[in-house]
Amino acid sequence: MVGGGGTTLHSHIASAFTSHCNIYRSTAQSISSGSATKVELATKDYDNDNEFDSVTNYRFQPIVAGYYHVDMAVRIESVENSKKYFAALYKTGEEVRRSEYTTGVAGSVAAIISCDMYLLTTDYIELWVYHNHGSSRNISGSRSTFMNVHRFA
C-alpha cells in the first residue's frame, strides 16, 4: 500500500514501533523465603532501542511513550506442596500486576504475567518474585525466566 508522497504505508508503520526486547535469566538466582525480590534479568536476546538495563537496575525504560505489550515469566525450583509463590510486575516502583499461586504438589513452579500498559519515558518496569518455601529457592537460569516488551501504539 502506498501512502501520500509515494511512501509505502507498511514500511512507515513498521518503523514507528521499533521498541522491542527479549531479556532472560541465564544463571540461577537465589531468592530468600518470605520477601519479594527483583529478578536480575541479565541476558539479552535483543533490545532494538537499548531500553533494558541488564547490568545495574534490571529494568525496562522506554525512550518513547506509548502502549506496550509485556510478557513475563519466572520459574522457581523445588518448592514444597502448599506453598505460596508469585511473579509481580512493578511499574516505577509500584506493583501493578501479580500472578499468584499455591502449590498443589512439590516441584518446580512457574508464574506468568501478560498485559498491555501505557508507559511514559519516565516509567520503568521490573519483574519481581516471591515464595514462602521456608528457605531460599533458586529461580531458573534458563529461558523460562524472562521478560518480553513490545511497543504497539
C-alpha atoms as a PDB file:
ATOM      1  CA  MET A   1       0.000   0.000   0.000  1.00  0.00           C
ATOM      2  CA  VAL A   2       1.350   3.417  -0.955  1.00  0.00           C
ATOM      3  CA  GLY A   3       0.618   6.496   1.146  1.00  0.00           C
ATOM      4  CA  GLY A   4       0.852  10.168   0.242  1.00  0.00           C
ATOM      5  CA  GLY A   5       4.180  11.260  -1.244  1.00  0.00           C
ATOM      6  CA  GLY A   6       4.891   7.780  -2.609  1.00  0.00           C
ATOM      7  CA  THR A   7       5.954   6.242   0.735  1.00  0.00           C
ATOM      8  CA  THR A   8       4.918   2.721   1.497  1.00  0.00           C
ATOM      9  CA  LEU A   9       2.441   2.809   4.370  1.00  0.00           C
ATOM     10  CA  HIS A  10       3.544  -0.601   5.640  1.00  0.00           C
ATOM     11  CA  SER A  11       7.200   0.465   5.996  1.00  0.00           C
ATOM     12  CA  HIS A  12       6.178   3.694   7.772  1.00  0.00           C
ATOM     13  CA  ILE A  13       4.070   1.788  10.315  1.00  0.00           C
ATOM     14  CA  ALA A  14       6.757  -0.842  10.905  1.00  0.00           C
ATOM     15  CA  SER A  15       9.470   1.754  11.511  1.00  0.00           C
ATOM     16  CA  ALA A  16       7.323   3.680  14.003  1.00  0.00           C
ATOM     17  CA  PHE A  17       7.325   0.801  16.514  1.00  0.00           C
ATOM     18  CA  THR A  18      10.942  -0.342  16.790  1.00  0.00           C
ATOM     19  CA  SER A  19      10.847  -0.733  20.569  1.00  0.00           C
ATOM     20  CA  HIS A  20      11.051  -4.409  21.468  1.00  0.00           C
ATOM     21  CA  CYS A  21      13.252  -6.532  23.670  1.00  0.00           C
ATOM     22  CA  ASN A  22      13.614 -10.067  24.962  1.00  0.00           C
ATOM     23  CA  ILE A  23      15.660 -10.481  28.154  1.00  0.00           C
ATOM     24  CA  TYR A  24      16.110 -13.623  30.259  1.00  0.00           C
ATOM     25  CA  ARG A  25      17.915 -15.060  33.260  1.00  0.00           C
ATOM     26  CA  SER A  26      20.811 -17.260  32.077  1.00  0.00           C
ATOM     27  CA  THR A  27      22.028 -18.429  35.507  1.00  0.00           C
ATOM     28  CA  ALA A  28      20.226 -19.371  38.722  1.00  0.00           C
ATOM     29  CA  GLN A  29      19.363 -16.601  41.190  1.00  0.00           C
ATOM     30  CA  SER A  30      18.774 -17.408  44.860  1.00  0.00           C
ATOM     31  CA  ILE A  31      15.519 -15.977  46.251  1.00  0.00           C
ATOM     32  CA  SER A  32      15.050 -15.724  50.023  1.00  0.00           C
ATOM     33  CA  SER A  33      11.834 -17.062  51.517  1.00  0.00           C
ATOM     34  CA  GLY A  34       9.210 -14.558  52.633  1.00  0.00           C
ATOM     35  CA  SER A  35      10.221 -11.389  50.795  1.00  0.00           C
ATOM     36  CA  ALA A  36       9.682 -10.118  47.263  1.00  0.00           C
ATOM     37  CA  THR A  37      12.926  -9.919  45.277  1.00  0.00           C
ATOM     38  CA  LYS A  38      13.708  -8.261  41.954  1.00  0.00           C
ATOM     39  CA  VAL A  39      14.662 -10.741  39.235  1.00  0.00           C
ATOM     40  CA  GLU A  40      18.043  -9.836  37.766  1.00  0.00           C
ATOM     41  CA  LEU A  41      17.409 -10.411  34.072  1.00  0.00           C
ATOM     42  CA  ALA A  42      20.871 -10.020  32.566  1.00  0.00           C
ATOM     43  CA  THR A  43      20.976 -11.745  29.167  1.00  0.00           C
ATOM     44  CA  LYS A  44      19.566 -10.036  26.078  1.00  0.00           C
ATOM     45  CA  ASP A  45      18.319 -11.873  23.020  1.00  0.00           C
ATOM     46  CA  TYR A  46      17.576  -8.485  21.513  1.00  0.00           C
ATOM     47  CA  ASP A  47      16.918  -4.918  22.626  1.00  0.00           C
ATOM     48  CA  ASN A  48      16.463  -2.833  19.496  1.00  0.00           C
ATOM     49  CA  ASP A  49      16.397   0.579  21.190  1.00  0.00           C
ATOM     50  CA  ASN A  50      18.677  -0.258  24.145  1.00  0.00           C
ATOM     51  CA  GLU A  51      15.871   0.332  26.654  1.00  0.00           C
ATOM     52  CA  PHE A  52      16.607  -2.533  29.041  1.00  0.00           C
ATOM     53  CA  ASP A  53      19.285  -2.077  31.725  1.00  0.00           C
ATOM     54  CA  SER A  54      20.698  -5.597  32.117  1.00  0.00           C
ATOM     55  CA  VAL A  55      23.706  -4.517  34.206  1.00  0.00           C
ATOM     56  CA  THR A  56      22.624  -2.312  37.124  1.00  0.00           C
ATOM     57  CA  ASN A  57      18.847  -1.912  37.588  1.00  0.00           C
ATOM     58  CA  TYR A  58      17.490  -4.872  35.564  1.00  0.00           C
ATOM     59  CA  ARG A  59      14.547  -2.925  34.202  1.00  0.00           C
ATOM     60  CA  PHE A  60      12.930  -1.674  31.007  1.00  0.00           C
ATOM     61  CA  GLN A  61      12.532   2.089  30.488  1.00  0.00           C
ATOM     62  CA  PRO A  62      11.069   3.252  27.168  1.00  0.00           C
ATOM     63  CA  ILE A  63      12.589   6.053  25.142  1.00  0.00           C
ATOM     64  CA  VAL A  64       9.175   6.760  23.560  1.00  0.00           C
ATOM     65  CA  ALA A  65       5.873   6.984  25.452  1.00  0.00           C
ATOM     66  CA  GLY A  66       3.189   4.632  24.209  1.00  0.00           C
ATOM     67  CA  TYR A  67       1.298   1.390  24.650  1.00  0.00           C
ATOM     68  CA  TYR A  68       3.423  -1.667  25.303  1.00  0.00           C
ATOM     69  CA  HIS A  69       2.661  -5.381  25.467  1.00  0.00           C
ATOM     70  CA  VAL A  70       4.553  -7.108  28.304  1.00  0.00           C
ATOM     71  CA  ASP A  71       5.096 -10.842  28.837  1.00  0.00           C
ATOM     72  CA  MET A  72       6.940 -12.048  31.945  1.00  0.00           C
ATOM     73  CA  ALA A  73       7.555 -15.455  33.463  1.00  0.00           C
ATOM     74  CA  VAL A  74       9.551 -16.802  36.370  1.00  0.00           C
ATOM     75  CA  ARG A  75      10.293 -20.430  37.239  1.00  0.00           C
ATOM     76  CA  ILE A  76      11.095 -21.312  40.866  1.00  0.00           C
ATOM     77  CA  GLU A  77      12.901 -24.588  41.513  1.00  0.00           C
ATOM     78  CA  SER A  78      11.973 -27.228  44.143  1.00  0.00           C
ATOM     79  CA  VAL A  79       9.052 -25.690  46.027  1.00  0.00           C
ATOM     80  CA  GLU A  80       7.198 -27.856  48.567  1.00  0.00           C
ATOM     81  CA  ASN A  81       3.469 -28.621  48.498  1.00  0.00           C
ATOM     82  CA  SER A  82       1.032 -25.945  49.815  1.00  0.00           C
ATOM     83  CA  LYS A  83       3.485 -23.053  49.455  1.00  0.00           C
ATOM     84  CA  LYS A  84       2.586 -19.645  48.029  1.00  0.00           C
ATOM     85  CA  TYR A  85       4.531 -18.040  45.178  1.00  0.00           C
ATOM     86  CA  PHE A  86       4.017 -15.176  42.757  1.00  0.00           C
ATOM     87  CA  ALA A  87       5.512 -13.106  39.990  1.00  0.00           C
ATOM     88  CA  ALA A  88       4.821  -9.383  40.088  1.00  0.00           C
ATOM     89  CA  LEU A  89       5.130  -6.618  37.513  1.00  0.00           C
ATOM     90  CA  TYR A  90       6.321  -3.368  39.053  1.00  0.00           C
ATOM     91  CA  LYS A  91       5.835  -0.066  37.224  1.00  0.00           C
ATOM     92  CA  THR A  92       8.010   2.779  38.506  1.00  0.00           C
ATOM     93  CA  GLY A  93       8.378   1.142  41.920  1.00  0.00           C
ATOM     94  CA  GLU A  94       4.708   0.104  42.415  1.00  0.00           C
ATOM     95  CA  GLU A  95       3.226  -3.352  41.958  1.00  0.00           C
ATOM     96  CA  VAL A  96       0.630  -3.193  39.163  1.00  0.00           C
ATOM     97  CA  ARG A  97       0.101  -6.882  38.213  1.00  0.00           C
ATOM     98  CA  ARG A  98       0.501 -10.161  40.078  1.00  0.00           C
ATOM     99  CA  SER A  99       0.256 -13.812  39.120  1.00  0.00           C
ATOM    100  CA  GLU A 100      -0.122 -15.731  42.408  1.00  0.00           C
ATOM    101  CA  TYR A 101      -0.458 -19.445  43.131  1.00  0.00           C
ATOM    102  CA  THR A 102      -0.322 -22.038  45.897  1.00  0.00           C
ATOM    103  CA  THR A 103       1.476 -25.242  45.000  1.00  0.00           C
ATOM    104  CA  GLY A 104      -0.605 -28.412  44.763  1.00  0.00           C
ATOM    105  CA  VAL A 105       2.371 -30.748  44.628  1.00  0.00           C
ATOM    106  CA  ALA A 106       6.079 -30.358  45.323  1.00  0.00           C
ATOM    107  CA  GLY A 107       8.324 -29.442  42.389  1.00  0.00           C
ATOM    108  CA  SER A 108       9.310 -26.591  40.125  1.00  0.00           C
ATOM    109  CA  VAL A 109       6.627 -23.972  39.531  1.00  0.00           C
ATOM    110  CA  ALA A 110       6.101 -21.048  37.162  1.00  0.00           C
ATOM    111  CA  ALA A 111       4.134 -17.808  37.256  1.00  0.00           C
ATOM    112  CA  ILE A 112       3.284 -15.841  34.105  1.00  0.00           C
ATOM    113  CA  ILE A 113       2.105 -12.268  33.509  1.00  0.00           C
ATOM    114  CA  SER A 114       0.863 -10.909  30.190  1.00  0.00           C
ATOM    115  CA  CYS A 115      -0.674  -7.449  29.828  1.00  0.00           C
ATOM    116  CA  ASP A 116      -0.835  -4.211  27.877  1.00  0.00           C
ATOM    117  CA  MET A 117       0.085  -0.947  29.553  1.00  0.00           C
ATOM    118  CA  TYR A 118       0.818   2.680  28.798  1.00  0.00           C
ATOM    119  CA  LEU A 119       4.353   3.802  29.653  1.00  0.00           C
ATOM    120  CA  LEU A 120       5.808   7.295  29.796  1.00  0.00           C
ATOM    121  CA  THR A 121       9.517   7.859  29.197  1.00  0.00           C
ATOM    122  CA  THR A 122       9.901   8.371  32.961  1.00  0.00           C
ATOM    123  CA  ASP A 123       8.282   4.993  33.764  1.00  0.00           C
ATOM    124  CA  TYR A 124      10.159   1.726  34.117  1.00  0.00           C
ATOM    125  CA  ILE A 125       9.044  -1.877  34.599  1.00  0.00           C
ATOM    126  CA  GLU A 126      10.622  -4.732  36.552  1.00  0.00           C
ATOM    127  CA  LEU A 127       9.933  -8.405  37.302  1.00  0.00           C
ATOM    128  CA  TRP A 128       9.749  -9.407  40.975  1.00  0.00           C
ATOM    129  CA  VAL A 129       9.242 -12.828  42.569  1.00  0.00           C
ATOM    130  CA  TYR A 130       8.121 -14.150  45.973  1.00  0.00           C
ATOM    131  CA  HIS A 131       7.804 -17.551  47.676  1.00  0.00           C
ATOM    132  CA  ASN A 132       7.263 -18.790  51.229  1.00  0.00           C
ATOM    133  CA  HIS A 133       9.024 -22.149  50.962  1.00  0.00           C
ATOM    134  CA  GLY A 134      10.802 -21.611  54.311  1.00  0.00           C
ATOM    135  CA  SER A 135      14.325 -21.489  52.891  1.00  0.00           C
ATOM    136  CA  SER A 136      15.935 -19.916  49.836  1.00  0.00           C
ATOM    137  CA  ARG A 137      14.944 -21.284  46.424  1.00  0.00           C
ATOM    138  CA  ASN A 138      16.568 -20.717  43.049  1.00  0.00           C
ATOM    139  CA  ILE A 139      14.788 -19.239  40.110  1.00  0.00           C
ATOM    140  CA  SER A 140      15.631 -20.969  36.886  1.00  0.00           C
ATOM    141  CA  GLY A 141      18.725 -19.953  34.988  1.00  0.00           C
ATOM    142  CA  SER A 142      17.156 -20.804  31.659  1.00  0.00           C
ATOM    143  CA  ARG A 143      14.869 -19.153  29.150  1.00  0.00           C
ATOM    144  CA  SER A 144      11.883 -19.966  31.403  1.00  0.00           C
ATOM    145  CA  THR A 145      12.550 -16.796  33.460  1.00  0.00           C
ATOM    146  CA  PHE A 146      12.187 -13.860  31.064  1.00  0.00           C
ATOM    147  CA  MET A 147      10.655 -10.516  30.041  1.00  0.00           C
ATOM    148  CA  ASN A 148       9.447  -9.553  26.559  1.00  0.00           C
ATOM    149  CA  VAL A 149       8.352  -5.987  25.860  1.00  0.00           C
ATOM    150  CA  HIS A 150       6.972  -4.701  22.543  1.00  0.00           C
ATOM    151  CA  ARG A 151       5.554  -1.266  21.726  1.00  0.00           C
ATOM    152  CA  PHE A 152       2.363  -1.449  19.667  1.00  0.00           C
ATOM    153  CA  ALA A 153       0.902   2.080  19.733  1.00  0.00           C
END
